[in-house]
Amino acid sequence: MKKKNAKFVKYLNSFLLLLFFVFATIYIFEKTGYYEYELHKQTVLTNEAIKQFEEDVQAGKNVRIEDYLDSKTKNYNNSISNIGYNISTYLGDTTRSIIRGTFEALGNWIDA
């Protein structure tokens, strides 16, 4: 029994340590201004697009607003989201097959 408790405590400590590192990382990003810097970069890109638009209008070029706007759709595909999607699909398929099998077994049991 003590070995089970020791194993549980070991896993719990590892999990808490992982949570602490995640918290520390997020806290450091927040305190160093990483998020504000990313917002600033977007603002600079927008200002550059406005300047380019104004220059093109003054030059008499054929102007389309779509050429100066960033895409409104965001691409969230990365390795972590793909792993999450694959796990979700696997769990959904497994759950579906378990439920289907359970009802088939109950149906066979009732028919017998």
Protein backbone atom coordinates (compact mmCIF):
# COMPACT_ATOMS: atom_id res chain seq x y z
CA MET A 1 0.00 0.00 0.00
CA LYS A 2 2.85 2.37 0.77
CA LYS A 3 4.33 1.80 -2.70
CA LYS A 4 1.04 2.89 -4.33
CA ASN A 5 0.95 6.02 -2.17
CA ALA A 6 4.59 6.76 -2.93
CA LYS A 7 3.94 6.39 -6.66
CA PHE A 8 0.89 8.64 -6.43
CA VAL A 9 2.84 11.30 -4.52
CA LYS A 10 5.63 11.11 -7.10
CA TYR A 11 3.18 11.67 -9.97
CA LEU A 12 1.40 14.41 -8.05
CA ASN A 13 4.69 16.21 -7.40
CA SER A 14 5.65 15.93 -11.07
CA PHE A 15 2.28 17.31 -12.12
CA LEU A 16 2.51 20.21 -9.67
CA LEU A 17 6.04 20.97 -10.86
CA LEU A 18 4.81 21.04 -14.45
CA LEU A 19 1.98 23.39 -13.49
CA PHE A 20 4.47 25.65 -11.74
CA PHE A 21 6.69 25.83 -14.84
CA VAL A 22 3.68 26.62 -17.05
CA PHE A 23 2.62 29.35 -14.62
CA ALA A 24 6.15 30.77 -14.45
CA THR A 25 6.42 30.85 -18.24
CA ILE A 26 3.10 32.65 -18.66
CA TYR A 27 3.97 35.05 -15.85
CA ILE A 28 7.34 35.91 -17.43
CA PHE A 29 5.70 36.50 -20.84
CA GLU A 30 3.20 38.83 -19.22
CA LYS A 31 5.79 40.76 -17.20
CA THR A 32 8.20 41.17 -20.10
CA GLY A 33 5.47 42.64 -22.29
CA TYR A 34 5.46 39.92 -24.94
CA TYR A 35 1.72 40.26 -25.60
CA GLU A 36 1.89 44.05 -25.83
CA TYR A 37 4.82 43.73 -28.24
CA GLU A 38 2.79 41.42 -30.50
CA LEU A 39 -0.08 43.94 -30.48
CA HIS A 40 2.38 46.72 -31.30
CA LYS A 41 3.69 44.75 -34.29
CA GLN A 42 0.13 44.41 -35.62
CA THR A 43 -0.41 48.15 -35.22
CA VAL A 44 2.79 48.92 -37.10
CA LEU A 45 1.73 46.61 -39.93
CA THR A 46 -1.64 48.36 -40.09
CA ASN A 47 -0.02 51.80 -40.21
CA GLU A 48 2.30 50.63 -43.00
CA ALA A 49 -0.69 49.33 -44.96
CA ILE A 50 -2.45 52.69 -44.57
CA LYS A 51 0.63 54.55 -45.82
CA GLN A 52 0.96 52.20 -48.80
CA PHE A 53 -2.75 52.64 -49.60
CA GLU A 54 -2.45 56.43 -49.52
CA GLU A 55 0.63 56.34 -51.75
CA ASP A 56 -1.12 54.10 -54.26
CA VAL A 57 -4.18 56.40 -54.33
CA GLN A 58 -1.99 59.46 -54.93
CA ALA A 59 -0.13 57.62 -57.68
CA GLY A 60 -3.46 56.87 -59.38
CA LYS A 61 -3.11 53.10 -59.23
CA ASN A 62 -6.09 50.75 -59.38
CA VAL A 63 -6.78 50.23 -55.68
CA ARG A 64 -8.60 47.28 -54.09
CA ILE A 65 -9.06 47.28 -50.33
CA GLU A 66 -8.46 43.51 -50.16
CA ASP A 67 -4.85 44.09 -51.18
CA TYR A 68 -4.18 46.05 -48.00
CA LEU A 69 -6.09 44.01 -45.42
CA ASP A 70 -4.81 40.99 -43.57
CA SER A 71 -6.77 37.79 -43.89
CA LYS A 72 -9.68 37.68 -41.46
CA THR A 73 -9.49 33.93 -41.07
CA LYS A 74 -6.90 32.67 -38.63
CA ASN A 75 -4.97 29.49 -39.16
CA TYR A 76 -4.85 27.54 -35.93
CA ASN A 77 -3.14 24.49 -37.38
CA ASN A 78 -0.05 23.50 -35.47
CA SER A 79 1.32 20.26 -34.08
CA ILE A 80 -0.39 20.63 -30.70
CA SER A 81 -3.84 21.33 -32.17
CA ASN A 82 -3.39 18.42 -34.59
CA ILE A 83 -2.52 16.10 -31.68
CA GLY A 84 -5.59 17.33 -29.78
CA TYR A 85 -7.77 16.77 -32.83
CA ASN A 86 -6.42 13.25 -33.34
CA ILE A 87 -6.96 12.36 -29.66
CA SER A 88 -10.48 13.77 -29.78
CA THR A 89 -11.30 11.81 -32.93
CA TYR A 90 -9.90 8.60 -31.43
CA LEU A 91 -11.86 9.05 -28.19
CA GLY A 92 -15.03 9.83 -30.12
CA ASP A 93 -14.68 6.74 -32.32
CA THR A 94 -13.87 4.55 -29.33
CA THR A 95 -16.82 5.85 -27.33
CA ARG A 96 -19.14 5.38 -30.29
CA SER A 97 -18.01 1.77 -30.80
CA ILE A 98 -18.37 0.98 -27.06
CA ILE A 99 -21.88 2.42 -26.96
CA ARG A 100 -22.86 0.63 -30.17
CA GLY A 101 -21.47 -2.67 -28.85
CA THR A 102 -23.25 -2.24 -25.52
CA PHE A 103 -26.62 -1.67 -27.17
CA GLU A 104 -26.09 -4.56 -29.57
CA ALA A 105 -25.30 -6.84 -26.62
CA LEU A 106 -28.37 -5.62 -24.74
CA GLY A 107 -30.50 -6.12 -27.84
CA ASN A 108 -29.21 -9.69 -28.25
CA TRP A 109 -29.79 -10.36 -24.57
CA ILE A 110 -33.36 -9.07 -24.70
CA ASP A 111 -34.15 -11.02 -27.92
CA ALA A 112 -32.86 -14.27 -26.42
